[in-house]
Amino acid sequence: MIRLLHMLGWLTLLLGLLLQIWLKDHDARWAVFFYAMPKPCLLGLSVWLTCWPKLGRSQRMPACLASLCLAFWWLSTSWCMSERASIPTKNALKDEPLTILYWNLCRPNGLDEEMVDLVKQTQPDLAVFVEAGNAGSLLAKYSESLPDYRTELMPRDILRLSRLKTASKRSVLVPRMATYAQFDLAGRGPDFPVIVADIFPHMFHSRKPQIDSVFAQTLRRPDAIVIGDFNTPLESVHLAQFRKHFTEAFEAAGFGLKETWPCGMPLLSIDHIWVGSEWEVLAADKFWRLTGSDHAALLVTLQRKSKTR
């Protein structure tokens, strides 16, 4: 039985490597296994095989080498240490940066004090939240707690707090249960579109139609910003085509591991902020508030490239 478990562990590790290197989530039939076996899980499995009882040194060596290779591979692809651009002071409108806070709140039962405290701490120009729970009945309390912001609950529990003027807005359901909120904001040069997405993680259907539908709303505008819980890691093949026109903010200017879920464990990078080519990412930060959500919050600072310092 012990030998069978050991063999099963090696087969699982090899399958995981095959998924991460080649198969990925091209096909919905094996995509769920690709999502369930990210590099950190494979690293943990290889360490477990290294510590397998009643093995000699020579028998442990393959698992030890696999662990070292996986650790290097994961850290080299996940660790972000980009040099941050200098953030201009807000003494001139043309130089004023744009700060955006995003967080999956995981459906709080009442007023989300963790979210309120994080907004007060970071003071973003725009804050957007998915899975905001019963925020509709609490908008007055949120407005009272955060009087500098206009609060609005959009369909499917997307909550928005903004200091910027809204030029237009709409909400749309997209295939297989996903939703997005789209609005144009004014106040940082010409009006620019923001799309906030909440992708539904269906086990047996590809997430490509949902992702394509969300990015289609940008019309490939270079000033578009796409935010949300994609329930899809950044390694997904479904995101590759959009990297030609968009930059993921934490990859560009973050520090640390890019994974945002779950509960402080860096397993999957499913929360994203994508910005069009007209924006420069000056800084990107990640915040864990484990008593408030099992997702990390993201804070980014942007500036239009056309508004050079």
C-alpha atoms as a PDB file:
ATOM      1  CA  MET A   1       0.000   0.000   0.000  1.00  0.00           C
ATOM      2  CA  ILE A   2       2.824   2.408   0.873  1.00  0.00           C
ATOM      3  CA  ARG A   3       4.589   1.609  -2.404  1.00  0.00           C
ATOM      4  CA  LEU A   4       1.333   2.190  -4.308  1.00  0.00           C
ATOM      5  CA  LEU A   5       0.871   5.594  -2.678  1.00  0.00           C
ATOM      6  CA  HIS A   6       4.450   6.511  -3.508  1.00  0.00           C
ATOM      7  CA  MET A   7       3.918   5.554  -7.148  1.00  0.00           C
ATOM      8  CA  LEU A   8       0.636   7.463  -7.234  1.00  0.00           C
ATOM      9  CA  GLY A   9       2.428  10.528  -5.911  1.00  0.00           C
ATOM     10  CA  TRP A  10       4.992  10.367  -8.722  1.00  0.00           C
ATOM     11  CA  LEU A  11       2.281   9.889 -11.350  1.00  0.00           C
ATOM     12  CA  THR A  12       0.422  12.914  -9.991  1.00  0.00           C
ATOM     13  CA  LEU A  13       3.610  14.986 -10.064  1.00  0.00           C
ATOM     14  CA  LEU A  14       4.320  14.003 -13.665  1.00  0.00           C
ATOM     15  CA  LEU A  15       0.746  14.792 -14.672  1.00  0.00           C
ATOM     16  CA  GLY A  16       1.001  18.184 -13.001  1.00  0.00           C
ATOM     17  CA  LEU A  17       4.231  18.967 -14.828  1.00  0.00           C
ATOM     18  CA  LEU A  18       2.629  17.949 -18.125  1.00  0.00           C
ATOM     19  CA  LEU A  19      -0.278  20.290 -17.437  1.00  0.00           C
ATOM     20  CA  GLN A  20       1.895  23.236 -16.407  1.00  0.00           C
ATOM     21  CA  ILE A  21       4.372  22.902 -19.268  1.00  0.00           C
ATOM     22  CA  TRP A  22       2.195  21.874 -22.198  1.00  0.00           C
ATOM     23  CA  LEU A  23      -1.503  21.080 -21.780  1.00  0.00           C
ATOM     24  CA  LYS A  24      -2.448  24.050 -19.524  1.00  0.00           C
ATOM     25  CA  ASP A  25      -6.146  24.973 -19.944  1.00  0.00           C
ATOM     26  CA  HIS A  26      -6.440  24.676 -23.727  1.00  0.00           C
ATOM     27  CA  ASP A  27      -9.268  22.189 -23.260  1.00  0.00           C
ATOM     28  CA  ALA A  28     -11.971  22.367 -20.591  1.00  0.00           C
ATOM     29  CA  ARG A  29     -11.671  18.621 -20.015  1.00  0.00           C
ATOM     30  CA  TRP A  30      -8.321  18.976 -18.279  1.00  0.00           C
ATOM     31  CA  ALA A  31      -8.442  22.677 -17.334  1.00  0.00           C
ATOM     32  CA  VAL A  32      -9.789  21.923 -13.845  1.00  0.00           C
ATOM     33  CA  PHE A  33      -6.696  19.782 -13.162  1.00  0.00           C
ATOM     34  CA  PHE A  34      -4.432  22.564 -14.447  1.00  0.00           C
ATOM     35  CA  TYR A  35      -6.063  25.001 -12.007  1.00  0.00           C
ATOM     36  CA  ALA A  36      -5.920  22.469  -9.159  1.00  0.00           C
ATOM     37  CA  MET A  37      -2.209  21.668  -9.566  1.00  0.00           C
ATOM     38  CA  PRO A  38      -0.311  24.968  -9.719  1.00  0.00           C
ATOM     39  CA  LYS A  39       3.445  25.037  -9.287  1.00  0.00           C
ATOM     40  CA  PRO A  40       3.357  25.577  -5.486  1.00  0.00           C
ATOM     41  CA  CYS A  41       1.225  22.433  -5.078  1.00  0.00           C
ATOM     42  CA  LEU A  42       3.615  20.453  -7.258  1.00  0.00           C
ATOM     43  CA  LEU A  43       6.497  21.753  -5.154  1.00  0.00           C
ATOM     44  CA  GLY A  44       4.733  20.605  -1.991  1.00  0.00           C
ATOM     45  CA  LEU A  45       4.129  17.184  -3.543  1.00  0.00           C
ATOM     46  CA  SER A  46       7.779  16.805  -4.542  1.00  0.00           C
ATOM     47  CA  VAL A  47       8.905  17.758  -1.016  1.00  0.00           C
ATOM     48  CA  TRP A  48       6.470  15.163   0.342  1.00  0.00           C
ATOM     49  CA  LEU A  49       8.014  12.536  -1.945  1.00  0.00           C
ATOM     50  CA  THR A  50      11.471  13.593  -0.773  1.00  0.00           C
ATOM     51  CA  CYS A  51      10.465  12.920   2.833  1.00  0.00           C
ATOM     52  CA  TRP A  52       8.905   9.527   2.039  1.00  0.00           C
ATOM     53  CA  PRO A  53       9.776   6.999   4.767  1.00  0.00           C
ATOM     54  CA  LYS A  54      12.063   3.998   4.312  1.00  0.00           C
ATOM     55  CA  LEU A  55      13.866   5.356   1.265  1.00  0.00           C
ATOM     56  CA  GLY A  56      17.612   5.403   0.788  1.00  0.00           C
ATOM     57  CA  ARG A  57      19.586   8.483  -0.215  1.00  0.00           C
ATOM     58  CA  SER A  58      19.770   7.442  -3.852  1.00  0.00           C
ATOM     59  CA  GLN A  59      16.003   6.844  -3.930  1.00  0.00           C
ATOM     60  CA  ARG A  60      15.302  10.301  -2.493  1.00  0.00           C
ATOM     61  CA  MET A  61      17.571  12.073  -4.949  1.00  0.00           C
ATOM     62  CA  PRO A  62      15.080  12.337  -7.886  1.00  0.00           C
ATOM     63  CA  ALA A  63      12.419  13.915  -5.662  1.00  0.00           C
ATOM     64  CA  CYS A  64      15.007  16.244  -4.129  1.00  0.00           C
ATOM     65  CA  LEU A  65      16.141  17.404  -7.578  1.00  0.00           C
ATOM     66  CA  ALA A  66      12.510  17.815  -8.642  1.00  0.00           C
ATOM     67  CA  SER A  67      11.882  19.977  -5.563  1.00  0.00           C
ATOM     68  CA  LEU A  68      14.859  22.232  -6.313  1.00  0.00           C
ATOM     69  CA  CYS A  69      13.851  22.620  -9.971  1.00  0.00           C
ATOM     70  CA  LEU A  70      10.213  23.338  -9.095  1.00  0.00           C
ATOM     71  CA  ALA A  71      11.188  25.886  -6.445  1.00  0.00           C
ATOM     72  CA  PHE A  72      13.414  27.716  -8.936  1.00  0.00           C
ATOM     73  CA  TRP A  73      10.790  27.514 -11.696  1.00  0.00           C
ATOM     74  CA  TRP A  74       7.972  28.786  -9.490  1.00  0.00           C
ATOM     75  CA  LEU A  75       9.940  31.652  -7.940  1.00  0.00           C
ATOM     76  CA  SER A  76      11.414  32.726 -11.277  1.00  0.00           C
ATOM     77  CA  THR A  77       7.939  32.979 -12.830  1.00  0.00           C
ATOM     78  CA  SER A  78       5.996  34.234  -9.808  1.00  0.00           C
ATOM     79  CA  TRP A  79       8.299  36.574  -7.910  1.00  0.00           C
ATOM     80  CA  CYS A  80       7.898  40.179  -9.047  1.00  0.00           C
ATOM     81  CA  MET A  81      10.623  42.670  -8.268  1.00  0.00           C
ATOM     82  CA  SER A  82      10.134  45.404 -10.823  1.00  0.00           C
ATOM     83  CA  GLU A  83      11.725  48.776 -10.365  1.00  0.00           C
ATOM     84  CA  ARG A  84       9.020  51.265  -9.509  1.00  0.00           C
ATOM     85  CA  ALA A  85       8.704  54.557 -11.289  1.00  0.00           C
ATOM     86  CA  SER A  86       8.752  57.705  -9.190  1.00  0.00           C
ATOM     87  CA  ILE A  87       5.257  58.832  -8.243  1.00  0.00           C
ATOM     88  CA  PRO A  88       4.709  62.538  -8.926  1.00  0.00           C
ATOM     89  CA  THR A  89       3.259  64.831  -6.316  1.00  0.00           C
ATOM     90  CA  LYS A  90      -0.304  65.984  -6.754  1.00  0.00           C
ATOM     91  CA  ASN A  91       0.531  69.632  -7.254  1.00  0.00           C
ATOM     92  CA  ALA A  92      -0.463  69.751 -10.898  1.00  0.00           C
ATOM     93  CA  LEU A  93      -3.428  68.047 -12.548  1.00  0.00           C
ATOM     94  CA  LYS A  94      -1.404  66.952 -15.546  1.00  0.00           C
ATOM     95  CA  ASP A  95       0.996  65.078 -13.259  1.00  0.00           C
ATOM     96  CA  GLU A  96      -1.613  63.620 -10.924  1.00  0.00           C
ATOM     97  CA  PRO A  97      -1.546  59.820 -10.788  1.00  0.00           C
ATOM     98  CA  LEU A  98      -4.569  57.516 -10.633  1.00  0.00           C
ATOM     99  CA  THR A  99      -4.814  55.031  -7.755  1.00  0.00           C
ATOM    100  CA  ILE A 100      -7.160  52.027  -7.922  1.00  0.00           C
ATOM    101  CA  LEU A 101      -7.995  49.574  -5.137  1.00  0.00           C
ATOM    102  CA  TYR A 102      -9.571  46.208  -5.954  1.00  0.00           C
ATOM    103  CA  TRP A 103     -10.680  43.406  -3.616  1.00  0.00           C
ATOM    104  CA  ASN A 104     -12.931  40.354  -3.578  1.00  0.00           C
ATOM    105  CA  LEU A 105     -14.832  40.766  -0.293  1.00  0.00           C
ATOM    106  CA  CYS A 106     -16.197  37.179  -0.178  1.00  0.00           C
ATOM    107  CA  ARG A 107     -19.771  38.245   0.622  1.00  0.00           C
ATOM    108  CA  PRO A 108     -19.590  39.815   4.102  1.00  0.00           C
ATOM    109  CA  ASN A 109     -22.755  39.547   6.201  1.00  0.00           C
ATOM    110  CA  GLY A 110     -22.752  43.176   7.286  1.00  0.00           C
ATOM    111  CA  LEU A 111     -20.692  46.340   6.994  1.00  0.00           C
ATOM    112  CA  ASP A 112     -17.179  45.279   5.968  1.00  0.00           C
ATOM    113  CA  GLU A 113     -14.971  47.054   8.489  1.00  0.00           C
ATOM    114  CA  GLU A 114     -11.808  45.570   6.953  1.00  0.00           C
ATOM    115  CA  MET A 115     -12.717  47.111   3.611  1.00  0.00           C
ATOM    116  CA  VAL A 116     -13.505  50.487   5.166  1.00  0.00           C
ATOM    117  CA  ASP A 117     -10.184  50.488   7.034  1.00  0.00           C
ATOM    118  CA  LEU A 118      -8.277  49.541   3.872  1.00  0.00           C
ATOM    119  CA  VAL A 119      -9.887  52.352   1.876  1.00  0.00           C
ATOM    120  CA  LYS A 120      -9.024  54.825   4.640  1.00  0.00           C
ATOM    121  CA  GLN A 121      -5.464  53.511   4.722  1.00  0.00           C
ATOM    122  CA  THR A 122      -4.810  53.586   0.975  1.00  0.00           C
ATOM    123  CA  GLN A 123      -7.033  56.552  -0.074  1.00  0.00           C
ATOM    124  CA  PRO A 124      -7.571  55.395  -3.688  1.00  0.00           C
ATOM    125  CA  ASP A 125      -9.257  57.499  -6.344  1.00  0.00           C
ATOM    126  CA  LEU A 126     -11.341  54.476  -7.322  1.00  0.00           C
ATOM    127  CA  ALA A 127     -12.144  51.382  -5.261  1.00  0.00           C
ATOM    128  CA  VAL A 128     -14.040  48.439  -6.731  1.00  0.00           C
ATOM    129  CA  PHE A 129     -15.137  45.274  -4.959  1.00  0.00           C
ATOM    130  CA  VAL A 130     -16.740  42.040  -6.134  1.00  0.00           C
ATOM    131  CA  GLU A 131     -18.815  39.676  -3.985  1.00  0.00           C
ATOM    132  CA  ALA A 132     -19.828  42.631  -1.820  1.00  0.00           C
ATOM    133  CA  GLY A 133     -22.661  40.689  -0.145  1.00  0.00           C
ATOM    134  CA  ASN A 134     -25.645  42.670   1.097  1.00  0.00           C
ATOM    135  CA  ALA A 135     -23.951  46.001   0.448  1.00  0.00           C
ATOM    136  CA  GLY A 136     -27.117  47.352  -1.163  1.00  0.00           C
ATOM    137  CA  SER A 137     -28.799  47.760   2.211  1.00  0.00           C
ATOM    138  CA  LEU A 138     -25.630  49.273   3.653  1.00  0.00           C
ATOM    139  CA  LEU A 139     -24.792  51.958   1.087  1.00  0.00           C
ATOM    140  CA  ALA A 140     -25.816  54.722   3.480  1.00  0.00           C
ATOM    141  CA  LYS A 141     -23.507  53.333   6.155  1.00  0.00           C
ATOM    142  CA  TYR A 142     -20.645  53.012   3.691  1.00  0.00           C
ATOM    143  CA  SER A 143     -21.223  56.615   2.590  1.00  0.00           C
ATOM    144  CA  GLU A 144     -21.226  57.720   6.209  1.00  0.00           C
ATOM    145  CA  SER A 145     -18.002  55.828   6.940  1.00  0.00           C
ATOM    146  CA  LEU A 146     -16.319  57.056   3.735  1.00  0.00           C
ATOM    147  CA  PRO A 147     -17.776  60.523   3.085  1.00  0.00           C
ATOM    148  CA  ASP A 148     -15.160  61.411   0.442  1.00  0.00           C
ATOM    149  CA  TYR A 149     -16.521  58.737  -1.915  1.00  0.00           C
ATOM    150  CA  ARG A 150     -19.620  58.265  -4.018  1.00  0.00           C
ATOM    151  CA  THR A 151     -20.860  54.733  -3.374  1.00  0.00           C
ATOM    152  CA  GLU A 152     -22.828  52.586  -5.803  1.00  0.00           C
ATOM    153  CA  LEU A 153     -23.820  48.932  -5.920  1.00  0.00           C
ATOM    154  CA  MET A 154     -23.966  47.466  -9.410  1.00  0.00           C
ATOM    155  CA  PRO A 155     -25.608  44.138 -10.394  1.00  0.00           C
ATOM    156  CA  ARG A 156     -24.199  40.843  -9.089  1.00  0.00           C
ATOM    157  CA  ASP A 157     -22.752  42.491  -5.962  1.00  0.00           C
ATOM    158  CA  ILE A 158     -20.142  44.755  -7.564  1.00  0.00           C
ATOM    159  CA  LEU A 159     -19.536  47.726  -5.270  1.00  0.00           C
ATOM    160  CA  ARG A 160     -17.863  50.909  -6.465  1.00  0.00           C
ATOM    161  CA  LEU A 161     -16.440  53.808  -4.452  1.00  0.00           C
ATOM    162  CA  SER A 162     -15.179  56.727  -6.509  1.00  0.00           C
ATOM    163  CA  ARG A 163     -13.818  60.216  -6.170  1.00  0.00           C
ATOM    164  CA  LEU A 164     -13.910  60.682  -9.927  1.00  0.00           C
ATOM    165  CA  LYS A 165     -16.842  61.770 -12.038  1.00  0.00           C
ATOM    166  CA  THR A 166     -18.683  59.021 -13.931  1.00  0.00           C
ATOM    167  CA  ALA A 167     -19.271  59.821 -17.583  1.00  0.00           C
ATOM    168  CA  SER A 168     -21.355  56.690 -18.365  1.00  0.00           C
ATOM    169  CA  LYS A 169     -22.027  53.223 -16.996  1.00  0.00           C
ATOM    170  CA  ARG A 170     -23.707  49.895 -17.703  1.00  0.00           C
ATOM    171  CA  SER A 171     -23.769  46.340 -16.356  1.00  0.00           C
ATOM    172  CA  VAL A 172     -24.028  43.175 -18.446  1.00  0.00           C
ATOM    173  CA  LEU A 173     -24.257  39.444 -17.787  1.00  0.00           C
ATOM    174  CA  VAL A 174     -21.949  37.383 -20.006  1.00  0.00           C
ATOM    175  CA  PRO A 175     -21.985  33.650 -20.815  1.00  0.00           C
ATOM    176  CA  ARG A 176     -22.215  31.047 -18.050  1.00  0.00           C
ATOM    177  CA  MET A 177     -22.934  33.211 -15.029  1.00  0.00           C
ATOM    178  CA  ALA A 178     -20.186  35.858 -15.206  1.00  0.00           C
ATOM    179  CA  THR A 179     -20.917  39.556 -14.999  1.00  0.00           C
ATOM    180  CA  TYR A 180     -19.128  42.819 -15.513  1.00  0.00           C
ATOM    181  CA  ALA A 181     -19.714  46.469 -14.739  1.00  0.00           C
ATOM    182  CA  GLN A 182     -18.489  48.976 -17.297  1.00  0.00           C
ATOM    183  CA  PHE A 183     -18.188  52.722 -16.748  1.00  0.00           C
ATOM    184  CA  ASP A 184     -16.255  55.678 -18.115  1.00  0.00           C
ATOM    185  CA  LEU A 185     -14.445  57.960 -15.686  1.00  0.00           C
ATOM    186  CA  ALA A 186     -13.351  61.565 -16.047  1.00  0.00           C
ATOM    187  CA  GLY A 187     -10.696  63.502 -14.218  1.00  0.00           C
ATOM    188  CA  ARG A 188      -7.392  62.115 -15.468  1.00  0.00           C
ATOM    189  CA  GLY A 189      -7.240  63.522 -18.955  1.00  0.00           C
ATOM    190  CA  PRO A 190      -9.799  62.256 -21.498  1.00  0.00           C
ATOM    191  CA  ASP A 191     -12.574  59.962 -20.265  1.00  0.00           C
ATOM    192  CA  PHE A 192     -11.399  56.356 -19.999  1.00  0.00           C
ATOM    193  CA  PRO A 193     -13.287  53.045 -19.654  1.00  0.00           C
ATOM    194  CA  VAL A 194     -13.085  50.712 -16.661  1.00  0.00           C
ATOM    195  CA  ILE A 195     -14.466  47.167 -16.780  1.00  0.00           C
ATOM    196  CA  VAL A 196     -14.905  45.244 -13.518  1.00  0.00           C
ATOM    197  CA  ALA A 197     -15.322  41.497 -14.042  1.00  0.00           C
ATOM    198  CA  ASP A 198     -16.372  38.563 -11.891  1.00  0.00           C
ATOM    199  CA  ILE A 199     -15.728  35.358 -13.841  1.00  0.00           C
ATOM    200  CA  PHE A 200     -17.717  32.293 -12.793  1.00  0.00           C
ATOM    201  CA  PRO A 201     -15.459  29.227 -12.172  1.00  0.00           C
ATOM    202  CA  HIS A 202     -17.522  26.532 -13.862  1.00  0.00           C
ATOM    203  CA  MET A 203     -15.758  23.173 -13.549  1.00  0.00           C
ATOM    204  CA  PHE A 204     -16.902  21.716 -16.856  1.00  0.00           C
ATOM    205  CA  HIS A 205     -16.886  24.724 -19.191  1.00  0.00           C
ATOM    206  CA  SER A 206     -14.008  26.741 -20.571  1.00  0.00           C
ATOM    207  CA  ARG A 207     -13.589  30.220 -19.116  1.00  0.00           C
ATOM    208  CA  LYS A 208     -12.422  31.538 -22.481  1.00  0.00           C
ATOM    209  CA  PRO A 209     -15.877  32.797 -23.632  1.00  0.00           C
ATOM    210  CA  GLN A 210     -16.269  34.794 -20.425  1.00  0.00           C
ATOM    211  CA  ILE A 211     -12.771  36.274 -20.598  1.00  0.00           C
ATOM    212  CA  ASP A 212     -13.153  37.121 -24.287  1.00  0.00           C
ATOM    213  CA  SER A 213     -16.504  38.815 -23.602  1.00  0.00           C
ATOM    214  CA  VAL A 214     -15.054  40.968 -20.847  1.00  0.00           C
ATOM    215  CA  PHE A 215     -12.025  42.122 -22.831  1.00  0.00           C
ATOM    216  CA  ALA A 216     -14.233  42.731 -25.885  1.00  0.00           C
ATOM    217  CA  GLN A 217     -15.848  45.598 -23.995  1.00  0.00           C
ATOM    218  CA  THR A 218     -12.579  47.530 -24.121  1.00  0.00           C
ATOM    219  CA  LEU A 219     -12.755  47.704 -27.938  1.00  0.00           C
ATOM    220  CA  ARG A 220      -8.948  47.516 -27.686  1.00  0.00           C
ATOM    221  CA  ARG A 221      -8.846  51.083 -26.458  1.00  0.00           C
ATOM    222  CA  PRO A 222      -5.315  51.858 -25.215  1.00  0.00           C
ATOM    223  CA  ASP A 223      -6.706  53.726 -22.192  1.00  0.00           C
ATOM    224  CA  ALA A 224      -8.977  50.872 -20.985  1.00  0.00           C
ATOM    225  CA  ILE A 225      -8.565  49.273 -17.548  1.00  0.00           C
ATOM    226  CA  VAL A 226      -9.887  45.776 -16.776  1.00  0.00           C
ATOM    227  CA  ILE A 227     -10.196  44.688 -13.139  1.00  0.00           C
ATOM    228  CA  GLY A 228     -11.618  41.704 -11.330  1.00  0.00           C
ATOM    229  CA  ASP A 229     -11.677  38.162 -10.067  1.00  0.00           C
ATOM    230  CA  PHE A 230     -10.924  36.132 -13.178  1.00  0.00           C
ATOM    231  CA  ASN A 231     -10.851  32.803 -11.332  1.00  0.00           C
ATOM    232  CA  THR A 232      -8.146  32.040 -13.870  1.00  0.00           C
ATOM    233  CA  PRO A 233      -4.388  32.170 -13.159  1.00  0.00           C
ATOM    234  CA  LEU A 234      -2.122  34.478 -15.091  1.00  0.00           C
ATOM    235  CA  GLU A 235      -0.486  31.425 -16.699  1.00  0.00           C
ATOM    236  CA  SER A 236      -3.722  30.613 -18.545  1.00  0.00           C
ATOM    237  CA  VAL A 237      -3.542  30.366 -22.330  1.00  0.00           C
ATOM    238  CA  HIS A 238      -6.811  32.313 -22.501  1.00  0.00           C
ATOM    239  CA  LEU A 239      -5.024  35.479 -21.367  1.00  0.00           C
ATOM    240  CA  ALA A 240      -2.045  35.241 -23.717  1.00  0.00           C
ATOM    241  CA  GLN A 241      -3.713  37.044 -26.624  1.00  0.00           C
ATOM    242  CA  PHE A 242      -4.567  40.061 -24.480  1.00  0.00           C
ATOM    243  CA  ARG A 243      -0.968  40.611 -23.397  1.00  0.00           C
ATOM    244  CA  LYS A 244      -0.377  42.212 -26.816  1.00  0.00           C
ATOM    245  CA  HIS A 245      -2.564  45.148 -25.809  1.00  0.00           C
ATOM    246  CA  PHE A 246      -2.689  45.054 -21.999  1.00  0.00           C
ATOM    247  CA  THR A 247      -0.234  44.855 -19.109  1.00  0.00           C
ATOM    248  CA  GLU A 248      -0.997  43.133 -15.815  1.00  0.00           C
ATOM    249  CA  ALA A 249      -0.212  45.779 -13.200  1.00  0.00           C
ATOM    250  CA  PHE A 250       1.306  43.618 -10.451  1.00  0.00           C
ATOM    251  CA  GLU A 251       3.547  41.826 -12.937  1.00  0.00           C
ATOM    252  CA  ALA A 252       4.743  45.217 -14.164  1.00  0.00           C
ATOM    253  CA  ALA A 253       5.389  47.016 -10.868  1.00  0.00           C
ATOM    254  CA  GLY A 254       4.681  44.685  -7.952  1.00  0.00           C
ATOM    255  CA  PHE A 255       7.024  43.283  -5.334  1.00  0.00           C
ATOM    256  CA  GLY A 256       6.681  39.731  -4.084  1.00  0.00           C
ATOM    257  CA  LEU A 257       4.718  36.691  -5.159  1.00  0.00           C
ATOM    258  CA  LYS A 258       1.941  37.500  -7.617  1.00  0.00           C
ATOM    259  CA  GLU A 259      -0.519  34.865  -6.312  1.00  0.00           C
ATOM    260  CA  THR A 260      -3.606  36.331  -4.627  1.00  0.00           C
ATOM    261  CA  TRP A 261      -5.475  33.267  -3.313  1.00  0.00           C
ATOM    262  CA  PRO A 262      -6.222  31.632  -0.902  1.00  0.00           C
ATOM    263  CA  CYS A 263      -5.889  32.830   2.712  1.00  0.00           C
ATOM    264  CA  GLY A 264      -2.332  34.092   2.417  1.00  0.00           C
ATOM    265  CA  MET A 265      -1.091  30.920   0.698  1.00  0.00           C
ATOM    266  CA  PRO A 266       0.403  31.802  -2.704  1.00  0.00           C
ATOM    267  CA  LEU A 267      -1.311  29.207  -4.883  1.00  0.00           C
ATOM    268  CA  LEU A 268      -3.166  31.019  -7.684  1.00  0.00           C
ATOM    269  CA  SER A 269      -2.995  34.507  -9.205  1.00  0.00           C
ATOM    270  CA  ILE A 270      -6.709  34.887  -9.984  1.00  0.00           C
ATOM    271  CA  ASP A 271      -7.222  38.583  -9.132  1.00  0.00           C
ATOM    272  CA  HIS A 272      -5.964  40.878 -11.898  1.00  0.00           C
ATOM    273  CA  ILE A 273      -5.703  44.520 -12.902  1.00  0.00           C
ATOM    274  CA  TRP A 274      -5.001  44.897 -16.632  1.00  0.00           C
ATOM    275  CA  VAL A 275      -4.166  48.313 -18.110  1.00  0.00           C
ATOM    276  CA  GLY A 276      -3.991  49.440 -21.718  1.00  0.00           C
ATOM    277  CA  SER A 277      -0.835  50.668 -23.414  1.00  0.00           C
ATOM    278  CA  GLU A 278      -1.651  54.310 -22.717  1.00  0.00           C
ATOM    279  CA  TRP A 279      -1.076  53.769 -18.988  1.00  0.00           C
ATOM    280  CA  GLU A 280       2.221  53.491 -17.154  1.00  0.00           C
ATOM    281  CA  VAL A 281       2.140  51.407 -13.964  1.00  0.00           C
ATOM    282  CA  LEU A 282       4.027  53.378 -11.327  1.00  0.00           C
ATOM    283  CA  ALA A 283       3.434  51.021  -8.385  1.00  0.00           C
ATOM    284  CA  ALA A 284       1.462  47.913  -7.435  1.00  0.00           C
ATOM    285  CA  ASP A 285       0.885  46.563  -3.935  1.00  0.00           C
ATOM    286  CA  LYS A 286      -0.851  43.529  -2.478  1.00  0.00           C
ATOM    287  CA  PHE A 287      -2.619  43.452   0.904  1.00  0.00           C
ATOM    288  CA  TRP A 288      -3.762  40.437   2.905  1.00  0.00           C
ATOM    289  CA  ARG A 289      -6.588  40.914   5.426  1.00  0.00           C
ATOM    290  CA  LEU A 290      -7.271  37.319   6.363  1.00  0.00           C
ATOM    291  CA  THR A 291     -10.125  38.130   8.748  1.00  0.00           C
ATOM    292  CA  GLY A 292     -11.916  39.895   5.900  1.00  0.00           C
ATOM    293  CA  SER A 293     -11.373  37.749   2.797  1.00  0.00           C
ATOM    294  CA  ASP A 294      -9.459  34.752   1.479  1.00  0.00           C
ATOM    295  CA  HIS A 295      -8.340  36.912  -1.475  1.00  0.00           C
ATOM    296  CA  ALA A 296      -5.585  39.509  -1.457  1.00  0.00           C
ATOM    297  CA  ALA A 297      -6.452  43.120  -2.251  1.00  0.00           C
ATOM    298  CA  LEU A 298      -4.578  44.948  -5.017  1.00  0.00           C
ATOM    299  CA  LEU A 299      -3.648  48.632  -5.100  1.00  0.00           C
ATOM    300  CA  VAL A 300      -2.126  50.135  -8.244  1.00  0.00           C
ATOM    301  CA  THR A 301      -0.906  53.602  -9.134  1.00  0.00           C
ATOM    302  CA  LEU A 302      -1.115  54.580 -12.803  1.00  0.00           C
ATOM    303  CA  GLN A 303      -0.327  57.549 -14.978  1.00  0.00           C
ATOM    304  CA  ARG A 304      -1.062  58.272 -18.600  1.00  0.00           C
ATOM    305  CA  LYS A 305       2.068  57.943 -20.695  1.00  0.00           C
ATOM    306  CA  SER A 306       1.006  60.956 -22.722  1.00  0.00           C
ATOM    307  CA  LYS A 307       1.178  63.031 -19.552  1.00  0.00           C
ATOM    308  CA  THR A 308       4.908  62.915 -19.147  1.00  0.00           C
ATOM    309  CA  ARG A 309       6.571  64.467 -16.169  1.00  0.00           C
END
